[in-house]
Structure formats: C-alpha cells, structure tokens
N, C-alpha and C. Protein backbone atom coordinates (compact mmCIF):
# COMPACT_ATOMS: atom_id res chain seq x y z
N UNK A 1 1.01 -1.38 -0.13
CA UNK A 1 0.17 -0.02 0.11
C UNK A 1 0.68 1.14 -0.30
N UNK A 2 0.48 2.05 -0.94
CA UNK A 2 1.61 3.28 -0.83
C UNK A 2 0.43 4.32 -0.37
N UNK A 3 1.43 5.14 0.40
CA UNK A 3 0.45 6.59 1.09
C UNK A 3 1.08 7.68 0.21
N UNK A 4 0.14 8.64 -0.02
CA UNK A 4 0.60 9.82 -0.36
C UNK A 4 0.67 11.19 0.71
N UNK A 5 1.49 11.73 0.63
CA UNK A 5 1.40 12.85 1.46
C UNK A 5 0.71 14.25 1.21
N UNK A 6 -0.47 14.60 1.91
CA UNK A 6 -0.84 15.74 1.49
C UNK A 6 -0.14 16.98 1.60
N UNK A 7 -0.13 17.93 0.90
CA UNK A 7 1.19 19.14 1.43
C UNK A 7 0.10 19.94 2.14
N UNK A 8 0.57 20.53 3.34
CA UNK A 8 -0.13 21.31 4.16
C UNK A 8 -0.16 22.78 3.53
N UNK A 9 -0.97 23.36 4.12
CA UNK A 9 -1.08 25.04 3.65
C UNK A 9 -0.42 25.96 4.56
N UNK A 10 0.19 26.54 4.33
CA UNK A 10 0.60 27.54 5.59
C UNK A 10 -0.47 28.46 5.94
N UNK A 11 -0.76 28.92 7.34
CA UNK A 11 -1.50 29.65 8.26
C UNK A 11 -1.81 31.08 7.33
N UNK A 12 -0.74 31.17 6.96
CA UNK A 12 -0.33 32.72 6.01
C UNK A 12 -1.51 32.74 4.95
N UNK A 13 -0.86 31.46 4.21
CA UNK A 13 -1.97 31.26 2.77
C UNK A 13 -3.07 31.02 3.00
N UNK A 14 -3.62 30.23 3.96
CA UNK A 14 -5.07 30.17 4.33
C UNK A 14 -5.74 31.32 4.74
N UNK A 15 -5.03 32.27 5.46
CA UNK A 15 -5.77 33.27 5.84
C UNK A 15 -6.12 34.33 4.58
N UNK A 16 -5.18 34.63 3.79
CA UNK A 16 -5.01 35.05 2.50
C UNK A 16 -6.26 34.63 1.60
N UNK A 17 -6.79 33.31 1.51
CA UNK A 17 -7.79 32.82 0.76
C UNK A 17 -8.96 33.13 1.47
N UNK A 18 -9.29 32.98 2.94
CA UNK A 18 -10.20 33.40 3.20
C UNK A 18 -10.66 34.97 3.01
N UNK A 19 -9.63 35.82 3.26
CA UNK A 19 -9.76 37.18 3.21
C UNK A 19 -9.87 37.51 1.59
N UNK A 20 -9.58 36.66 0.67
CA UNK A 20 -9.73 37.03 -0.61
C UNK A 20 -11.20 36.78 -1.16
N UNK A 21 -11.32 35.70 -0.44
CA UNK A 21 -13.10 35.22 -0.44
C UNK A 21 -14.02 36.08 -0.17
N UNK A 22 -13.92 36.42 0.99
CA UNK A 22 -14.72 37.36 1.75
C UNK A 22 -14.69 38.84 1.05
N UNK A 23 -13.60 39.10 0.43
CA UNK A 23 -13.44 40.33 -0.47
C UNK A 23 -14.40 40.45 -1.74
N UNK A 24 -14.14 39.54 -2.14
CA UNK A 24 -15.13 39.29 -3.58
C UNK A 24 -16.35 38.77 -3.44
N UNK A 25 -16.93 38.23 -2.24
CA UNK A 25 -18.14 37.85 -1.60
C UNK A 25 -18.96 39.39 -1.57
N UNK A 26 -18.37 40.26 -1.04
CA UNK A 26 -18.48 41.61 -0.51
C UNK A 26 -18.95 42.43 -1.71
N UNK A 27 -17.76 42.55 -2.39
CA UNK A 27 -17.69 43.33 -3.65
C UNK A 27 -19.10 42.99 -4.46
N UNK A 28 -18.65 41.61 -5.03
CA UNK A 28 -20.09 40.87 -5.28
C UNK A 28 -21.19 41.40 -5.12
N UNK A 29 -21.65 41.21 -3.72
CA UNK A 29 -23.08 41.63 -3.33
C UNK A 29 -23.39 43.25 -3.33
N UNK A 30 -22.58 44.05 -3.03
CA UNK A 30 -22.57 45.57 -3.56
C UNK A 30 -23.01 45.70 -4.75
N UNK A 31 -22.23 44.94 -5.90
CA UNK A 31 -22.38 45.30 -7.04
C UNK A 31 -23.87 44.87 -7.57
N UNK A 32 -24.50 43.78 -7.04
CA UNK A 32 -25.13 42.97 -7.72
C UNK A 32 -26.61 43.39 -6.94
N UNK A 33 -26.21 43.85 -5.56
CA UNK A 33 -27.49 44.05 -4.71
C UNK A 33 -27.92 45.05 -4.51
N UNK A 34 -27.06 46.04 -3.80
CA UNK A 34 -27.30 47.52 -3.50
C UNK A 34 -26.63 48.12 -4.10
N UNK A 35 -25.92 48.30 -4.90
CA UNK A 35 -25.42 49.41 -5.94
C UNK A 35 -26.60 49.86 -6.89
N UNK A 36 -27.17 48.96 -7.76
CA UNK A 36 -28.53 49.73 -8.13
C UNK A 36 -29.28 50.37 -7.72
N UNK A 37 -29.62 50.25 -6.34
CA UNK A 37 -30.53 51.03 -5.42
C UNK A 37 -29.74 52.22 -4.48
N UNK A 38 -28.55 52.37 -4.86
CA UNK A 38 -27.99 53.54 -3.91
C UNK A 38 -28.40 54.62 -3.91
N UNK A 39 -28.75 55.27 -4.93
CA UNK A 39 -28.99 56.51 -5.21
C UNK A 39 -30.72 56.59 -4.81
N UNK A 40 -30.99 55.81 -4.87
CA UNK A 40 -32.92 55.59 -4.35
C UNK A 40 -32.93 56.11 -2.95
N UNK A 41 -31.70 55.49 -2.01
CA UNK A 41 -31.88 56.00 -0.67
C UNK A 41 -31.74 57.83 -0.50
N UNK A 42 -31.00 58.49 -1.35
CA UNK A 42 -30.94 59.70 -1.00
C UNK A 42 -32.09 60.50 -1.75
N UNK A 43 -32.93 59.91 -2.57
CA UNK A 43 -34.44 60.22 -2.98
C UNK A 43 -35.01 60.21 -2.16
N UNK A 44 -35.65 58.92 -1.27
CA UNK A 44 -36.31 58.73 -0.59
C UNK A 44 -36.11 59.54 0.79
N UNK A 45 -35.20 59.92 1.33
CA UNK A 45 -34.81 60.86 2.43
C UNK A 45 -34.99 62.34 1.85
N UNK A 46 -34.79 62.86 1.11
CA UNK A 46 -35.04 64.12 0.62
C UNK A 46 -36.52 64.22 0.14
N UNK A 47 -37.26 63.46 -0.54
CA UNK A 47 -39.09 63.39 -0.92
C UNK A 47 -39.85 62.84 -0.38
N UNK A 48 -39.18 61.56 0.65
CA UNK A 48 -40.03 60.71 1.23
C UNK A 48 -40.96 59.99 0.50
N UNK A 49 -40.28 59.47 -0.79
CA UNK A 49 -40.84 58.78 -2.00
C UNK A 49 -39.72 58.10 -2.65
N UNK A 50 -39.76 56.91 -3.11
CA UNK A 50 -38.83 56.74 -4.29
C UNK A 50 -39.34 56.27 -5.81
N UNK A 51 -40.32 57.04 -6.02
CA UNK A 51 -41.02 57.18 -7.18
C UNK A 51 -42.32 56.56 -7.21
N UNK A 52 -42.95 55.96 -8.77
CA UNK A 52 -44.25 55.58 -8.58
C UNK A 52 -44.21 53.80 -8.19
N UNK A 53 -45.38 53.77 -7.67
CA UNK A 53 -45.81 52.36 -7.10
C UNK A 53 -45.86 51.31 -8.24
N UNK A 54 -45.20 50.36 -8.20
CA UNK A 54 -45.29 49.16 -9.20
C UNK A 54 -46.79 48.59 -9.73
N UNK A 55 -47.49 48.83 -8.14
CA UNK A 55 -48.82 48.21 -8.16
C UNK A 55 -49.75 49.17 -8.71
N UNK A 56 -49.69 50.52 -8.27
CA UNK A 56 -50.98 51.32 -8.70
C UNK A 56 -50.55 52.42 -9.49
N UNK A 57 -48.98 52.52 -9.82
CA UNK A 57 -48.84 53.55 -11.11
C UNK A 57 -48.73 54.91 -10.26
N UNK A 58 -48.86 55.27 -9.11
CA UNK A 58 -49.16 56.49 -8.56
C UNK A 58 -47.73 56.54 -7.43
N UNK A 59 -47.46 57.68 -7.56
CA UNK A 59 -46.61 57.92 -6.21
C UNK A 59 -47.00 58.36 -4.96
N UNK A 60 -48.25 57.95 -4.50
CA UNK A 60 -48.92 58.22 -3.51
C UNK A 60 -48.48 57.08 -2.31
N UNK A 61 -48.36 57.25 -1.19
CA UNK A 61 -48.06 56.36 -0.19
C UNK A 61 -49.10 55.81 0.77
N UNK A 62 -50.50 56.29 -0.18
CA UNK A 62 -51.64 55.42 0.63
C UNK A 62 -52.18 54.40 -0.16
N UNK A 63 -52.99 53.62 0.01
CA UNK A 63 -53.52 52.37 -0.53
C UNK A 63 -55.12 52.73 -0.65
N UNK A 64 -55.63 52.50 -1.67
CA UNK A 64 -56.94 52.87 -1.95
C UNK A 64 -57.50 51.37 -2.54
N UNK A 65 -58.51 50.90 -1.58
CA UNK A 65 -59.03 49.64 -2.09
C UNK A 65 -60.61 49.83 -2.00
N UNK A 66 -61.36 49.63 -3.05
CA UNK A 66 -62.48 49.89 -3.21
C UNK A 66 -63.22 51.24 -2.60
N UNK A 67 -62.44 52.00 -2.69
CA UNK A 67 -63.21 53.71 -2.38
C UNK A 67 -62.74 53.43 -1.13
N UNK A 68 -62.22 53.03 -0.29
CA UNK A 68 -61.83 53.30 1.28
C UNK A 68 -60.33 53.38 1.13
N UNK A 69 -60.01 54.67 1.71
CA UNK A 69 -58.45 54.81 1.78
C UNK A 69 -57.87 54.42 3.06
N UNK A 70 -56.68 53.16 3.25
CA UNK A 70 -55.88 52.59 4.00
C UNK A 70 -55.02 53.36 4.49
C-alpha cells in the first residue's frame, strides 16, 4: 500500500484565501444587490418617496381599496 502525503497549507496562505473570498463576496454583493438602488436612498430621504408604485402606478403612499383609503 502506497501512501501519499498531502501538502499542508501555511496559515498565512489560508488566511489570505479566506480574506480574498470574503472581499470578492462583499464586492459582488454590493455590485449586484445594493449599488443599483444606492441612489434611491438619497431620493427617499429628500422626497419621502422613491417614485411611482409598481402596483398602482401612482406616487401616493396610501392604498386605495374599493373606494376606501387605508
């Protein structure tokens, strides 16, 4: 039976790999999830609205249901 030795990874290289993975994950999440909506934060803070509703088509924050205002 022949045994092969698995080369060990130095702790410094292991931490570098972990930090590289976390950096890529954080940058990827920012780019894909948060960056497209980043400008809306300032719009919402200034105007208290982020634009037209995708459900009603109006910019009103209230909901109208069968003539009743909720």
